[in-house]
Amino acid sequence: MKTKQLMIMCLAGLSSSAWAIEPGPASSAQQGTESWMQLQIRGVVASTNLQTASAAERELAMQRWLNSFTYPIPEYFNQDTGGEITNSK
C-alpha cells in the first residue's frame, strides 16, 4: 500500500509546474537555434533536390559502422598516450 501511495505522490510531483522549464529561449544564440529548428521541423528550408545514396555507398557506410565494433574498449584512458601539444613559434 505504501508503494502505491509513493508512486502516486511521485507522479503528481512530476506533473507540477515547479518542474517545468520556462517557455522561450534564454539567449539570442538559443533564439537563433530555436528558429532554425522550427524551420527544419516545418520543412520550410528543406532542399528541393532529392538526396539519395547508392547501394554501394550504403554498403560502405554499414561496413564502417560494423567495423567500429572490432576495436576493443580500453579499461581506462591513459592521457599520456595521446601525444603532446607543442608551441611552434
N, C-alpha and C. Protein backbone atom coordinates (compact mmCIF):
# COMPACT_ATOMS: atom_id res chain seq x y z
N MET A 1 0.83 -1.20 0.00
CA MET A 1 0.00 0.00 0.00
C MET A 1 0.86 1.25 0.00
N LYS A 2 1.96 1.23 0.77
CA LYS A 2 2.83 2.40 0.82
C LYS A 2 3.50 2.64 -0.52
N THR A 3 3.82 1.57 -1.23
CA THR A 3 4.45 1.70 -2.54
C THR A 3 3.51 2.42 -3.50
N LYS A 4 2.23 2.07 -3.46
CA LYS A 4 1.25 2.68 -4.34
C LYS A 4 1.11 4.17 -4.03
N GLN A 5 1.08 4.51 -2.74
CA GLN A 5 0.98 5.91 -2.35
C GLN A 5 2.21 6.69 -2.78
N LEU A 6 3.38 6.10 -2.65
CA LEU A 6 4.62 6.75 -3.04
C LEU A 6 4.64 7.00 -4.55
N MET A 7 4.16 6.03 -5.33
CA MET A 7 4.12 6.20 -6.77
C MET A 7 3.18 7.33 -7.17
N ILE A 8 2.04 7.41 -6.52
CA ILE A 8 1.07 8.47 -6.81
C ILE A 8 1.66 9.83 -6.47
N MET A 9 2.36 9.93 -5.35
CA MET A 9 2.97 11.20 -4.96
C MET A 9 4.06 11.60 -5.95
N CYS A 10 4.85 10.65 -6.42
CA CYS A 10 5.91 10.94 -7.38
C CYS A 10 5.32 11.41 -8.71
N LEU A 11 4.30 10.72 -9.17
CA LEU A 11 3.68 11.10 -10.43
C LEU A 11 3.01 12.47 -10.33
N ALA A 12 2.41 12.76 -9.21
CA ALA A 12 1.78 14.07 -9.01
C ALA A 12 2.85 15.16 -8.99
N GLY A 13 3.99 14.86 -8.40
CA GLY A 13 5.08 15.84 -8.34
C GLY A 13 5.68 16.10 -9.71
N LEU A 14 5.73 15.09 -10.56
CA LEU A 14 6.31 15.27 -11.89
C LEU A 14 5.45 16.15 -12.78
N SER A 15 4.16 16.16 -12.52
CA SER A 15 3.27 16.94 -13.37
C SER A 15 3.12 18.38 -12.88
N SER A 16 3.73 18.72 -11.77
CA SER A 16 3.58 20.08 -11.25
C SER A 16 4.39 21.06 -12.07
N SER A 17 4.02 22.33 -12.03
CA SER A 17 4.70 23.34 -12.82
C SER A 17 6.08 23.69 -12.25
N ALA A 18 6.39 23.23 -11.06
CA ALA A 18 7.70 23.51 -10.48
C ALA A 18 8.81 22.83 -11.29
N TRP A 19 8.48 21.75 -12.00
CA TRP A 19 9.48 21.03 -12.78
C TRP A 19 9.59 21.58 -14.20
N ALA A 20 8.67 22.44 -14.61
CA ALA A 20 8.63 22.91 -15.99
C ALA A 20 9.76 23.89 -16.27
N ILE A 21 10.24 23.87 -17.49
CA ILE A 21 11.23 24.85 -17.94
C ILE A 21 10.46 26.05 -18.46
N GLU A 22 10.95 27.21 -18.14
CA GLU A 22 10.28 28.43 -18.58
C GLU A 22 10.20 28.45 -20.11
N PRO A 23 9.09 28.90 -20.67
CA PRO A 23 8.95 28.92 -22.13
C PRO A 23 9.86 29.97 -22.76
N GLY A 24 10.31 29.68 -23.96
CA GLY A 24 11.10 30.63 -24.73
C GLY A 24 12.59 30.49 -24.51
N PRO A 25 13.37 30.91 -25.52
CA PRO A 25 14.83 30.83 -25.43
C PRO A 25 15.38 31.80 -24.39
N ALA A 26 16.50 31.42 -23.79
CA ALA A 26 17.10 32.22 -22.74
C ALA A 26 18.12 33.22 -23.29
N SER A 27 18.65 33.00 -24.47
CA SER A 27 19.67 33.90 -25.02
C SER A 27 19.42 34.10 -26.51
N SER A 28 20.14 35.09 -27.09
CA SER A 28 19.97 35.33 -28.53
C SER A 28 20.48 34.15 -29.34
N ALA A 29 21.55 33.50 -28.87
CA ALA A 29 22.06 32.32 -29.57
C ALA A 29 21.03 31.20 -29.55
N GLN A 30 20.37 31.02 -28.42
CA GLN A 30 19.35 29.99 -28.32
C GLN A 30 18.14 30.35 -29.17
N GLN A 31 17.83 31.63 -29.28
CA GLN A 31 16.72 32.06 -30.14
C GLN A 31 17.00 31.71 -31.59
N GLY A 32 18.23 31.93 -32.04
CA GLY A 32 18.61 31.58 -33.40
C GLY A 32 18.50 30.09 -33.64
N THR A 33 18.97 29.31 -32.67
CA THR A 33 18.89 27.85 -32.79
C THR A 33 17.44 27.39 -32.85
N GLU A 34 16.62 27.96 -31.98
CA GLU A 34 15.19 27.60 -31.97
C GLU A 34 14.53 27.93 -33.30
N SER A 35 14.89 29.08 -33.88
CA SER A 35 14.30 29.48 -35.16
C SER A 35 14.66 28.48 -36.25
N TRP A 36 15.95 28.10 -36.33
CA TRP A 36 16.37 27.12 -37.34
C TRP A 36 15.70 25.78 -37.13
N MET A 37 15.56 25.36 -35.88
CA MET A 37 14.92 24.07 -35.62
C MET A 37 13.45 24.09 -36.04
N GLN A 38 12.77 25.20 -35.79
CA GLN A 38 11.37 25.31 -36.20
C GLN A 38 11.23 25.27 -37.72
N LEU A 39 12.17 25.94 -38.43
CA LEU A 39 12.15 25.89 -39.89
C LEU A 39 12.36 24.47 -40.39
N GLN A 40 13.25 23.73 -39.75
CA GLN A 40 13.51 22.35 -40.16
C GLN A 40 12.31 21.46 -39.87
N ILE A 41 11.70 21.66 -38.72
CA ILE A 41 10.53 20.84 -38.35
C ILE A 41 9.41 21.04 -39.35
N ARG A 42 9.19 22.28 -39.75
CA ARG A 42 8.10 22.59 -40.68
C ARG A 42 8.44 22.26 -42.12
N GLY A 43 9.72 22.02 -42.40
CA GLY A 43 10.14 21.72 -43.77
C GLY A 43 10.24 22.94 -44.66
N VAL A 44 10.30 24.12 -44.07
CA VAL A 44 10.33 25.36 -44.83
C VAL A 44 11.62 25.49 -45.63
N VAL A 45 12.73 25.08 -45.06
CA VAL A 45 14.03 25.23 -45.71
C VAL A 45 14.55 23.89 -46.25
N ALA A 46 13.67 22.95 -46.46
CA ALA A 46 14.08 21.65 -46.97
C ALA A 46 14.55 21.79 -48.41
N SER A 47 15.52 21.00 -48.77
CA SER A 47 16.04 21.01 -50.13
C SER A 47 15.01 20.46 -51.11
N THR A 48 14.96 21.06 -52.28
CA THR A 48 14.05 20.56 -53.32
C THR A 48 14.71 19.43 -54.10
N ASN A 49 16.02 19.25 -53.94
CA ASN A 49 16.74 18.17 -54.60
C ASN A 49 16.69 16.92 -53.75
N LEU A 50 16.18 15.85 -54.30
CA LEU A 50 16.14 14.58 -53.59
C LEU A 50 17.57 14.06 -53.41
N GLN A 51 17.95 13.79 -52.19
CA GLN A 51 19.30 13.33 -51.89
C GLN A 51 19.24 11.85 -51.54
N THR A 52 19.89 11.05 -52.36
CA THR A 52 19.88 9.61 -52.15
C THR A 52 21.30 9.08 -52.10
N ALA A 53 21.46 7.92 -51.56
CA ALA A 53 22.75 7.23 -51.53
C ALA A 53 22.61 5.97 -52.38
N SER A 54 23.66 5.68 -53.09
CA SER A 54 23.63 4.47 -53.92
C SER A 54 23.75 3.25 -53.02
N ALA A 55 23.48 2.09 -53.59
CA ALA A 55 23.61 0.85 -52.82
C ALA A 55 25.05 0.66 -52.34
N ALA A 56 26.03 1.02 -53.18
CA ALA A 56 27.44 0.88 -52.79
C ALA A 56 27.78 1.81 -51.63
N GLU A 57 27.25 3.04 -51.66
CA GLU A 57 27.50 3.99 -50.57
C GLU A 57 26.88 3.51 -49.26
N ARG A 58 25.66 2.99 -49.35
CA ARG A 58 25.01 2.46 -48.15
C ARG A 58 25.77 1.27 -47.59
N GLU A 59 26.27 0.42 -48.47
CA GLU A 59 27.02 -0.76 -48.04
C GLU A 59 28.33 -0.35 -47.35
N LEU A 60 29.02 0.64 -47.91
CA LEU A 60 30.26 1.12 -47.29
C LEU A 60 30.00 1.74 -45.92
N ALA A 61 28.92 2.52 -45.82
CA ALA A 61 28.58 3.13 -44.54
C ALA A 61 28.27 2.05 -43.50
N MET A 62 27.53 1.05 -43.90
CA MET A 62 27.19 -0.05 -42.99
C MET A 62 28.46 -0.80 -42.57
N GLN A 63 29.37 -1.01 -43.50
CA GLN A 63 30.61 -1.72 -43.18
C GLN A 63 31.47 -0.91 -42.22
N ARG A 64 31.53 0.42 -42.40
CA ARG A 64 32.28 1.26 -41.46
C ARG A 64 31.69 1.16 -40.06
N TRP A 65 30.35 1.16 -39.99
CA TRP A 65 29.69 1.06 -38.70
C TRP A 65 29.98 -0.29 -38.05
N LEU A 66 29.88 -1.36 -38.82
CA LEU A 66 30.16 -2.69 -38.28
C LEU A 66 31.62 -2.83 -37.84
N ASN A 67 32.54 -2.25 -38.61
CA ASN A 67 33.96 -2.31 -38.25
C ASN A 67 34.26 -1.57 -36.95
N SER A 68 33.45 -0.58 -36.61
CA SER A 68 33.69 0.18 -35.39
C SER A 68 33.57 -0.70 -34.14
N PHE A 69 32.89 -1.83 -34.26
CA PHE A 69 32.72 -2.72 -33.11
C PHE A 69 33.91 -3.66 -32.92
N THR A 70 34.88 -3.66 -33.85
CA THR A 70 36.02 -4.56 -33.73
C THR A 70 37.12 -3.99 -32.85
N TYR A 71 37.05 -2.69 -32.54
CA TYR A 71 38.06 -2.08 -31.68
C TYR A 71 37.73 -2.36 -30.22
N PRO A 72 38.71 -2.83 -29.45
CA PRO A 72 38.43 -3.11 -28.04
C PRO A 72 38.22 -1.81 -27.25
N ILE A 73 37.36 -1.87 -26.28
CA ILE A 73 37.13 -0.73 -25.40
C ILE A 73 38.16 -0.80 -24.28
N PRO A 74 39.01 0.22 -24.15
CA PRO A 74 40.04 0.16 -23.11
C PRO A 74 39.43 0.24 -21.71
N GLU A 75 40.12 -0.35 -20.77
CA GLU A 75 39.63 -0.33 -19.39
C GLU A 75 39.67 1.08 -18.81
N TYR A 76 40.68 1.83 -19.21
CA TYR A 76 40.78 3.22 -18.78
C TYR A 76 41.48 4.01 -19.87
N PHE A 77 41.39 5.33 -19.80
CA PHE A 77 42.01 6.20 -20.78
C PHE A 77 43.30 6.74 -20.22
N ASN A 78 44.40 6.46 -20.90
CA ASN A 78 45.70 6.95 -20.47
C ASN A 78 45.99 8.25 -21.21
N GLN A 79 46.02 9.35 -20.49
CA GLN A 79 46.18 10.66 -21.12
C GLN A 79 47.56 10.84 -21.74
N ASP A 80 48.56 10.13 -21.27
CA ASP A 80 49.92 10.29 -21.77
C ASP A 80 50.10 9.68 -23.16
N THR A 81 49.24 8.78 -23.59
CA THR A 81 49.39 8.14 -24.88
C THR A 81 48.90 9.02 -26.04
N GLY A 82 48.28 10.14 -25.73
CA GLY A 82 47.73 10.99 -26.76
C GLY A 82 48.74 11.90 -27.42
N GLY A 83 49.96 11.96 -26.93
CA GLY A 83 50.96 12.86 -27.51
C GLY A 83 51.02 14.16 -26.75
N GLU A 84 51.73 15.11 -27.33
CA GLU A 84 51.92 16.40 -26.67
C GLU A 84 51.56 17.52 -27.63
N ILE A 85 51.18 18.64 -27.06
CA ILE A 85 50.94 19.84 -27.85
C ILE A 85 52.19 20.68 -27.78
N THR A 86 52.74 20.99 -28.94
CA THR A 86 53.96 21.80 -28.96
C THR A 86 53.64 23.17 -29.46
N ASN A 87 54.36 24.14 -28.97
CA ASN A 87 54.16 25.52 -29.38
C ASN A 87 55.16 25.83 -30.49
N SER A 88 54.70 26.05 -31.70
CA SER A 88 55.61 26.26 -32.82
C SER A 88 55.76 27.74 -33.15
N LYS A 89 56.46 28.46 -32.28
CA LYS A 89 56.69 29.90 -32.50
C LYS A 89 58.01 30.13 -33.15
